[in-house]
Amino acid sequence: MFITSSAQLFDNNTSENNNITAASRRSHQITTILDGLLKDYDAHVRPNFGEGPTKINFDILVSSFGPIQDMDMSFTMNCYFRQRWRDERLQFAEEVGVLSLSTRMLERLWRPDTTFYNSKYSYLHTIPTSNRLWRLFPDGSIWYSSRITVKARCNMNLKNFPVDIQICKFLIGSFANPASDIQYGWRLGNNASVSFDTKVLLSQFDLIKYPQYDESVDMNGRMYMLLKIEKLGLKTIKVCLKQR
């Protein structure tokens, strides 16, 4: 009995040691790859510089929506904001597979200066740690997801309250780069790149639809690419009676 138990203990220790060794080799491999990729890498230069615009593709998962406030004409949403682009300078051997790395490494890479044009404020969730995730693919594609809360302006027309329909736009684009440098697009196409968690409930409004599209806008003589989401809400008489 003692011999069998000792053998089992030896096998378990051997298995654990093998796992540690494999993990150590993988970690060393990743470190070596990244050190090589970043040796002459300049994070201040965008991908595809001098050869055309950098293309950024988006999709959004809304985890909570509201409150929608008619007093200050705003709406708030919590979402997982996902961006994807390709940086050919970061290509590596396909057999290595997808790399899922720490956010500290992200600080060493170029990232788009994406902003929400009609936001009153927005913030990245950082508790207990920064709510960011990124993955690097062998072809140099980067998938970057962050959990963000945004409060955005919405110009409401309350003339027909409480049976009114409001159109609230959410505008996404580059802070400083024109369309000739950075172009935005919906990763899954128009009207398929924004989804709502099944648990999202609205106490005051019914969400009718939320079409998505992109367009170019002239700002001070420079063309900028914008992504738009239009949210339509229907306020009900029932809610109005509850509020009295």
C-alpha atoms as a PDB file:
ATOM      1  CA  MET A   1       0.000   0.000   0.000  1.00  0.00           C
ATOM      2  CA  PHE A   2       2.835   2.351   0.911  1.00  0.00           C
ATOM      3  CA  ILE A   3       4.675   1.533  -2.322  1.00  0.00           C
ATOM      4  CA  THR A   4       1.580   2.248  -4.423  1.00  0.00           C
ATOM      5  CA  SER A   5       0.969   5.570  -2.688  1.00  0.00           C
ATOM      6  CA  SER A   6       4.591   6.584  -3.161  1.00  0.00           C
ATOM      7  CA  ALA A   7       4.391   5.726  -6.843  1.00  0.00           C
ATOM      8  CA  GLN A   8       1.225   7.748  -7.246  1.00  0.00           C
ATOM      9  CA  LEU A   9       2.826  10.666  -5.429  1.00  0.00           C
ATOM     10  CA  PHE A  10       5.847  10.423  -7.707  1.00  0.00           C
ATOM     11  CA  ASP A  11       3.612  10.381 -10.798  1.00  0.00           C
ATOM     12  CA  ASN A  12       1.689  13.415  -9.570  1.00  0.00           C
ATOM     13  CA  ASN A  13       4.877  15.344  -8.879  1.00  0.00           C
ATOM     14  CA  THR A  14       6.245  14.402 -12.273  1.00  0.00           C
ATOM     15  CA  SER A  15       3.036  15.579 -13.974  1.00  0.00           C
ATOM     16  CA  GLU A  16       3.120  18.876 -12.092  1.00  0.00           C
ATOM     17  CA  ASN A  17       6.768  19.394 -12.954  1.00  0.00           C
ATOM     18  CA  ASN A  18       6.043  18.686 -16.614  1.00  0.00           C
ATOM     19  CA  ASN A  19       3.217  21.234 -16.574  1.00  0.00           C
ATOM     20  CA  ILE A  20       5.467  23.831 -14.964  1.00  0.00           C
ATOM     21  CA  THR A  21       8.191  23.116 -17.493  1.00  0.00           C
ATOM     22  CA  ALA A  22       5.754  23.417 -20.419  1.00  0.00           C
ATOM     23  CA  ALA A  23       4.361  26.678 -19.052  1.00  0.00           C
ATOM     24  CA  SER A  24       7.877  27.995 -18.528  1.00  0.00           C
ATOM     25  CA  ARG A  25       8.843  27.118 -22.098  1.00  0.00           C
ATOM     26  CA  ARG A  26       5.700  28.790 -23.430  1.00  0.00           C
ATOM     27  CA  SER A  27       6.369  31.919 -21.382  1.00  0.00           C
ATOM     28  CA  HIS A  28       9.957  32.062 -22.606  1.00  0.00           C
ATOM     29  CA  GLN A  29       8.786  31.565 -26.199  1.00  0.00           C
ATOM     30  CA  ILE A  30       6.292  34.434 -25.926  1.00  0.00           C
ATOM     31  CA  THR A  31       8.892  36.718 -24.353  1.00  0.00           C
ATOM     32  CA  THR A  32      11.383  35.933 -27.111  1.00  0.00           C
ATOM     33  CA  ILE A  33       8.792  36.580 -29.839  1.00  0.00           C
ATOM     34  CA  LEU A  34       7.659  39.888 -28.354  1.00  0.00           C
ATOM     35  CA  ASP A  35      11.193  41.103 -27.740  1.00  0.00           C
ATOM     36  CA  GLY A  36      11.957  40.439 -31.392  1.00  0.00           C
ATOM     37  CA  LEU A  37       8.788  42.142 -32.643  1.00  0.00           C
ATOM     38  CA  LEU A  38       9.286  45.242 -30.519  1.00  0.00           C
ATOM     39  CA  LYS A  39      13.026  45.641 -31.042  1.00  0.00           C
ATOM     40  CA  ASP A  40      12.639  48.315 -33.735  1.00  0.00           C
ATOM     41  CA  TYR A  41       8.936  48.994 -33.213  1.00  0.00           C
ATOM     42  CA  ASP A  42       7.741  52.613 -33.050  1.00  0.00           C
ATOM     43  CA  ALA A  43       4.408  52.945 -31.240  1.00  0.00           C
ATOM     44  CA  HIS A  44       4.061  56.536 -32.482  1.00  0.00           C
ATOM     45  CA  VAL A  45       3.748  55.402 -36.110  1.00  0.00           C
ATOM     46  CA  ARG A  46       0.417  53.931 -37.173  1.00  0.00           C
ATOM     47  CA  PRO A  47       0.213  50.643 -39.105  1.00  0.00           C
ATOM     48  CA  ASN A  48       0.292  50.950 -42.896  1.00  0.00           C
ATOM     49  CA  PHE A  49       1.784  54.438 -42.682  1.00  0.00           C
ATOM     50  CA  GLY A  50       2.548  55.808 -46.150  1.00  0.00           C
ATOM     51  CA  GLU A  51       0.548  53.055 -47.859  1.00  0.00           C
ATOM     52  CA  GLY A  52      -3.041  53.995 -47.030  1.00  0.00           C
ATOM     53  CA  PRO A  53      -5.354  54.415 -44.038  1.00  0.00           C
ATOM     54  CA  THR A  54      -5.343  52.122 -41.030  1.00  0.00           C
ATOM     55  CA  LYS A  55      -8.668  50.286 -40.789  1.00  0.00           C
ATOM     56  CA  ILE A  56     -10.291  49.825 -37.380  1.00  0.00           C
ATOM     57  CA  ASN A  57     -13.258  47.468 -37.062  1.00  0.00           C
ATOM     58  CA  PHE A  58     -15.693  47.603 -34.142  1.00  0.00           C
ATOM     59  CA  ASP A  59     -18.358  45.642 -32.400  1.00  0.00           C
ATOM     60  CA  ILE A  60     -20.099  46.472 -29.124  1.00  0.00           C
ATOM     61  CA  LEU A  61     -21.874  44.396 -26.488  1.00  0.00           C
ATOM     62  CA  VAL A  62     -24.103  46.544 -24.267  1.00  0.00           C
ATOM     63  CA  SER A  63     -24.307  45.000 -20.789  1.00  0.00           C
ATOM     64  CA  SER A  64     -26.539  47.684 -19.263  1.00  0.00           C
ATOM     65  CA  PHE A  65     -28.444  50.654 -20.666  1.00  0.00           C
ATOM     66  CA  GLY A  66     -29.746  53.569 -18.646  1.00  0.00           C
ATOM     67  CA  PRO A  67     -30.668  55.702 -16.994  1.00  0.00           C
ATOM     68  CA  ILE A  68     -32.140  57.773 -19.810  1.00  0.00           C
ATOM     69  CA  GLN A  69     -32.538  61.243 -18.343  1.00  0.00           C
ATOM     70  CA  ASP A  70     -34.819  63.795 -19.954  1.00  0.00           C
ATOM     71  CA  MET A  71     -33.819  66.498 -17.449  1.00  0.00           C
ATOM     72  CA  ASP A  72     -30.253  66.822 -18.737  1.00  0.00           C
ATOM     73  CA  MET A  73     -30.997  65.045 -22.035  1.00  0.00           C
ATOM     74  CA  SER A  74     -28.569  62.172 -21.744  1.00  0.00           C
ATOM     75  CA  PHE A  75     -28.332  58.402 -21.681  1.00  0.00           C
ATOM     76  CA  THR A  76     -25.817  56.096 -20.014  1.00  0.00           C
ATOM     77  CA  MET A  77     -24.615  52.685 -21.056  1.00  0.00           C
ATOM     78  CA  ASN A  78     -22.101  50.128 -19.876  1.00  0.00           C
ATOM     79  CA  CYS A  79     -20.536  48.194 -22.718  1.00  0.00           C
ATOM     80  CA  TYR A  80     -17.748  45.949 -23.892  1.00  0.00           C
ATOM     81  CA  PHE A  81     -16.083  48.017 -26.572  1.00  0.00           C
ATOM     82  CA  ARG A  82     -14.155  45.837 -29.031  1.00  0.00           C
ATOM     83  CA  GLN A  83     -11.719  47.114 -31.627  1.00  0.00           C
ATOM     84  CA  ARG A  84      -9.742  45.150 -34.166  1.00  0.00           C
ATOM     85  CA  TRP A  85      -6.988  46.261 -36.527  1.00  0.00           C
ATOM     86  CA  ARG A  86      -3.943  44.808 -38.233  1.00  0.00           C
ATOM     87  CA  ASP A  87      -0.336  45.823 -37.661  1.00  0.00           C
ATOM     88  CA  GLU A  88       1.897  43.960 -40.122  1.00  0.00           C
ATOM     89  CA  ARG A  89       4.951  44.828 -38.039  1.00  0.00           C
ATOM     90  CA  LEU A  90       3.688  42.353 -35.421  1.00  0.00           C
ATOM     91  CA  GLN A  91       3.458  39.230 -37.596  1.00  0.00           C
ATOM     92  CA  PHE A  92       4.945  35.991 -36.283  1.00  0.00           C
ATOM     93  CA  ALA A  93       4.920  32.260 -37.031  1.00  0.00           C
ATOM     94  CA  GLU A  94       1.419  30.815 -37.323  1.00  0.00           C
ATOM     95  CA  GLU A  95       2.257  27.658 -35.356  1.00  0.00           C
ATOM     96  CA  VAL A  96       2.780  29.777 -32.230  1.00  0.00           C
ATOM     97  CA  GLY A  97      -0.950  30.485 -32.093  1.00  0.00           C
ATOM     98  CA  VAL A  98      -2.869  33.414 -30.637  1.00  0.00           C
ATOM     99  CA  LEU A  99      -1.136  35.346 -27.852  1.00  0.00           C
ATOM    100  CA  SER A 100      -3.235  36.606 -24.939  1.00  0.00           C
ATOM    101  CA  LEU A 101      -1.102  39.051 -23.015  1.00  0.00           C
ATOM    102  CA  SER A 102      -1.095  41.533 -20.167  1.00  0.00           C
ATOM    103  CA  THR A 103      -2.344  45.083 -20.605  1.00  0.00           C
ATOM    104  CA  ARG A 104       1.140  46.382 -19.771  1.00  0.00           C
ATOM    105  CA  MET A 105       2.304  45.076 -23.126  1.00  0.00           C
ATOM    106  CA  LEU A 106      -0.511  46.999 -24.807  1.00  0.00           C
ATOM    107  CA  GLU A 107       1.081  50.258 -23.668  1.00  0.00           C
ATOM    108  CA  ARG A 108       4.058  49.480 -25.914  1.00  0.00           C
ATOM    109  CA  LEU A 109       1.936  49.156 -29.057  1.00  0.00           C
ATOM    110  CA  TRP A 110       0.236  51.648 -31.343  1.00  0.00           C
ATOM    111  CA  ARG A 111      -3.464  52.087 -30.570  1.00  0.00           C
ATOM    112  CA  PRO A 112      -6.161  54.162 -32.297  1.00  0.00           C
ATOM    113  CA  ASP A 113      -7.178  57.438 -30.653  1.00  0.00           C
ATOM    114  CA  THR A 114     -10.843  56.465 -30.610  1.00  0.00           C
ATOM    115  CA  THR A 115     -13.241  58.887 -28.953  1.00  0.00           C
ATOM    116  CA  PHE A 116     -16.979  59.266 -28.329  1.00  0.00           C
ATOM    117  CA  TYR A 117     -17.905  62.587 -29.905  1.00  0.00           C
ATOM    118  CA  ASN A 118     -21.137  63.209 -28.046  1.00  0.00           C
ATOM    119  CA  SER A 119     -20.117  61.884 -24.627  1.00  0.00           C
ATOM    120  CA  LYS A 120     -20.485  63.982 -21.496  1.00  0.00           C
ATOM    121  CA  TYR A 121     -18.045  61.698 -19.761  1.00  0.00           C
ATOM    122  CA  SER A 122     -16.731  58.162 -20.058  1.00  0.00           C
ATOM    123  CA  TYR A 123     -14.463  55.961 -18.019  1.00  0.00           C
ATOM    124  CA  LEU A 124     -12.698  52.624 -18.170  1.00  0.00           C
ATOM    125  CA  HIS A 125     -13.523  50.183 -15.381  1.00  0.00           C
ATOM    126  CA  THR A 126     -10.416  49.533 -13.292  1.00  0.00           C
ATOM    127  CA  ILE A 127     -11.640  47.580 -10.245  1.00  0.00           C
ATOM    128  CA  PRO A 128     -10.218  45.192  -9.173  1.00  0.00           C
ATOM    129  CA  THR A 129      -7.909  45.583 -12.174  1.00  0.00           C
ATOM    130  CA  SER A 130      -8.062  47.421 -15.480  1.00  0.00           C
ATOM    131  CA  ASN A 131     -10.918  45.828 -17.457  1.00  0.00           C
ATOM    132  CA  ARG A 132      -9.010  45.428 -20.687  1.00  0.00           C
ATOM    133  CA  LEU A 133      -8.180  42.375 -22.762  1.00  0.00           C
ATOM    134  CA  TRP A 134      -6.120  42.076 -25.888  1.00  0.00           C
ATOM    135  CA  ARG A 135      -5.011  39.281 -28.164  1.00  0.00           C
ATOM    136  CA  LEU A 136      -2.362  39.227 -30.857  1.00  0.00           C
ATOM    137  CA  PHE A 137      -2.837  36.964 -33.897  1.00  0.00           C
ATOM    138  CA  PRO A 138      -0.041  35.559 -36.087  1.00  0.00           C
ATOM    139  CA  ASP A 139      -0.988  37.800 -39.041  1.00  0.00           C
ATOM    140  CA  GLY A 140      -0.472  40.897 -36.872  1.00  0.00           C
ATOM    141  CA  SER A 141      -4.167  41.439 -36.133  1.00  0.00           C
ATOM    142  CA  ILE A 142      -4.929  42.889 -32.709  1.00  0.00           C
ATOM    143  CA  TRP A 143      -8.215  42.336 -30.872  1.00  0.00           C
ATOM    144  CA  TYR A 144      -8.677  44.841 -28.060  1.00  0.00           C
ATOM    145  CA  SER A 145     -11.652  44.743 -25.707  1.00  0.00           C
ATOM    146  CA  SER A 146     -12.367  47.173 -22.874  1.00  0.00           C
ATOM    147  CA  ARG A 147     -15.266  47.611 -20.468  1.00  0.00           C
ATOM    148  CA  ILE A 148     -16.449  51.217 -20.575  1.00  0.00           C
ATOM    149  CA  THR A 149     -19.271  53.297 -19.136  1.00  0.00           C
ATOM    150  CA  VAL A 150     -20.370  56.262 -21.246  1.00  0.00           C
ATOM    151  CA  LYS A 151     -22.817  59.061 -20.534  1.00  0.00           C
ATOM    152  CA  ALA A 152     -23.759  60.715 -23.835  1.00  0.00           C
ATOM    153  CA  ARG A 153     -25.818  63.703 -24.916  1.00  0.00           C
ATOM    154  CA  CYS A 154     -29.190  63.140 -26.564  1.00  0.00           C
ATOM    155  CA  ASN A 155     -31.230  66.061 -27.894  1.00  0.00           C
ATOM    156  CA  MET A 156     -34.751  65.020 -26.935  1.00  0.00           C
ATOM    157  CA  ASN A 157     -38.011  66.434 -28.218  1.00  0.00           C
ATOM    158  CA  LEU A 158     -40.529  66.041 -25.399  1.00  0.00           C
ATOM    159  CA  LYS A 159     -43.456  67.776 -27.098  1.00  0.00           C
ATOM    160  CA  ASN A 160     -45.437  64.537 -27.360  1.00  0.00           C
ATOM    161  CA  PHE A 161     -44.522  63.234 -23.901  1.00  0.00           C
ATOM    162  CA  PRO A 162     -45.332  60.649 -22.623  1.00  0.00           C
ATOM    163  CA  VAL A 163     -45.915  58.802 -25.902  1.00  0.00           C
ATOM    164  CA  ASP A 164     -42.896  60.260 -27.654  1.00  0.00           C
ATOM    165  CA  ILE A 165     -40.185  58.591 -29.673  1.00  0.00           C
ATOM    166  CA  GLN A 166     -36.626  59.780 -29.091  1.00  0.00           C
ATOM    167  CA  ILE A 167     -33.663  59.336 -31.419  1.00  0.00           C
ATOM    168  CA  CYS A 168     -30.391  59.208 -29.467  1.00  0.00           C
ATOM    169  CA  LYS A 169     -27.181  58.999 -31.461  1.00  0.00           C
ATOM    170  CA  PHE A 170     -23.883  57.553 -30.289  1.00  0.00           C
ATOM    171  CA  LEU A 171     -20.954  58.835 -32.360  1.00  0.00           C
ATOM    172  CA  ILE A 172     -17.579  57.082 -32.545  1.00  0.00           C
ATOM    173  CA  GLY A 173     -14.463  58.198 -34.386  1.00  0.00           C
ATOM    174  CA  SER A 174     -10.840  59.285 -34.230  1.00  0.00           C
ATOM    175  CA  PHE A 175      -9.949  62.201 -31.979  1.00  0.00           C
ATOM    176  CA  ALA A 176      -7.296  63.702 -34.268  1.00  0.00           C
ATOM    177  CA  ASN A 177      -6.844  61.585 -37.398  1.00  0.00           C
ATOM    178  CA  PRO A 178      -8.802  62.249 -40.614  1.00  0.00           C
ATOM    179  CA  ALA A 179     -10.272  59.527 -42.816  1.00  0.00           C
ATOM    180  CA  SER A 180      -7.129  59.575 -44.968  1.00  0.00           C
ATOM    181  CA  ASP A 181      -5.216  58.156 -41.961  1.00  0.00           C
ATOM    182  CA  ILE A 182      -7.777  56.093 -40.037  1.00  0.00           C
ATOM    183  CA  GLN A 183     -10.999  54.529 -41.276  1.00  0.00           C
ATOM    184  CA  TYR A 184     -13.606  52.975 -39.010  1.00  0.00           C
ATOM    185  CA  GLY A 185     -16.042  50.216 -39.885  1.00  0.00           C
ATOM    186  CA  TRP A 186     -18.464  47.825 -38.208  1.00  0.00           C
ATOM    187  CA  ARG A 187     -16.747  44.455 -37.828  1.00  0.00           C
ATOM    188  CA  LEU A 188     -19.901  42.422 -38.507  1.00  0.00           C
ATOM    189  CA  GLY A 189     -21.414  44.906 -40.938  1.00  0.00           C
ATOM    190  CA  ASN A 190     -24.098  47.537 -40.494  1.00  0.00           C
ATOM    191  CA  ASN A 191     -26.953  46.566 -38.144  1.00  0.00           C
ATOM    192  CA  ALA A 192     -25.154  43.444 -36.896  1.00  0.00           C
ATOM    193  CA  SER A 193     -22.241  44.802 -34.850  1.00  0.00           C
ATOM    194  CA  VAL A 194     -24.083  46.083 -31.770  1.00  0.00           C
ATOM    195  CA  SER A 195     -25.816  43.640 -29.456  1.00  0.00           C
ATOM    196  CA  PHE A 196     -27.556  43.907 -26.095  1.00  0.00           C
ATOM    197  CA  ASP A 197     -27.171  41.484 -23.230  1.00  0.00           C
ATOM    198  CA  THR A 198     -30.369  39.510 -22.699  1.00  0.00           C
ATOM    199  CA  LYS A 199     -30.531  40.850 -19.131  1.00  0.00           C
ATOM    200  CA  VAL A 200     -30.770  44.484 -20.243  1.00  0.00           C
ATOM    201  CA  LEU A 201     -34.076  45.970 -19.055  1.00  0.00           C
ATOM    202  CA  LEU A 202     -35.332  49.536 -19.510  1.00  0.00           C
ATOM    203  CA  SER A 203     -37.741  50.858 -16.889  1.00  0.00           C
ATOM    204  CA  GLN A 204     -38.829  54.008 -18.738  1.00  0.00           C
ATOM    205  CA  PHE A 205     -38.260  53.280 -22.410  1.00  0.00           C
ATOM    206  CA  ASP A 206     -38.780  50.461 -24.840  1.00  0.00           C
ATOM    207  CA  LEU A 207     -35.880  50.035 -27.229  1.00  0.00           C
ATOM    208  CA  ILE A 208     -37.426  49.786 -30.681  1.00  0.00           C
ATOM    209  CA  LYS A 209     -34.334  49.456 -32.842  1.00  0.00           C
ATOM    210  CA  TYR A 210     -30.712  50.557 -33.011  1.00  0.00           C
ATOM    211  CA  PRO A 211     -29.454  50.881 -36.608  1.00  0.00           C
ATOM    212  CA  GLN A 212     -25.704  51.244 -37.161  1.00  0.00           C
ATOM    213  CA  TYR A 213     -23.939  52.869 -40.077  1.00  0.00           C
ATOM    214  CA  ASP A 214     -20.821  54.821 -40.988  1.00  0.00           C
ATOM    215  CA  GLU A 215     -20.306  58.095 -42.813  1.00  0.00           C
ATOM    216  CA  SER A 216     -17.653  60.708 -43.598  1.00  0.00           C
ATOM    217  CA  VAL A 217     -18.040  64.163 -42.051  1.00  0.00           C
ATOM    218  CA  ASP A 218     -16.243  67.397 -42.920  1.00  0.00           C
ATOM    219  CA  MET A 219     -14.672  68.966 -39.818  1.00  0.00           C
ATOM    220  CA  ASN A 220     -12.720  72.171 -40.375  1.00  0.00           C
ATOM    221  CA  GLY A 221     -11.866  71.207 -43.924  1.00  0.00           C
ATOM    222  CA  ARG A 222     -10.782  67.638 -43.099  1.00  0.00           C
ATOM    223  CA  MET A 223     -12.878  64.547 -43.695  1.00  0.00           C
ATOM    224  CA  TYR A 224     -13.361  62.294 -40.667  1.00  0.00           C
ATOM    225  CA  MET A 225     -14.882  58.831 -40.602  1.00  0.00           C
ATOM    226  CA  LEU A 226     -17.654  58.376 -38.018  1.00  0.00           C
ATOM    227  CA  LEU A 227     -19.528  55.338 -36.797  1.00  0.00           C
ATOM    228  CA  LYS A 228     -23.091  55.982 -35.665  1.00  0.00           C
ATOM    229  CA  ILE A 229     -25.640  54.122 -33.590  1.00  0.00           C
ATOM    230  CA  GLU A 230     -29.175  55.468 -33.450  1.00  0.00           C
ATOM    231  CA  LYS A 231     -31.215  54.338 -30.453  1.00  0.00           C
ATOM    232  CA  LEU A 232     -34.979  54.794 -30.574  1.00  0.00           C
ATOM    233  CA  GLY A 233     -36.912  54.698 -27.294  1.00  0.00           C
ATOM    234  CA  LEU A 234     -40.652  54.821 -26.675  1.00  0.00           C
ATOM    235  CA  LYS A 235     -41.771  56.312 -23.364  1.00  0.00           C
ATOM    236  CA  THR A 236     -45.088  54.867 -22.160  1.00  0.00           C
ATOM    237  CA  ILE A 237     -48.080  56.480 -20.417  1.00  0.00           C
ATOM    238  CA  LYS A 238     -47.837  53.811 -17.726  1.00  0.00           C
ATOM    239  CA  VAL A 239     -44.438  55.086 -16.647  1.00  0.00           C
ATOM    240  CA  CYS A 240     -45.724  58.658 -16.597  1.00  0.00           C
ATOM    241  CA  LEU A 241     -48.524  57.707 -14.206  1.00  0.00           C
ATOM    242  CA  LYS A 242     -46.076  55.946 -11.896  1.00  0.00           C
ATOM    243  CA  GLN A 243     -43.943  59.049 -11.648  1.00  0.00           C
ATOM    244  CA  ARG A 244     -46.771  61.330 -10.416  1.00  0.00           C
END
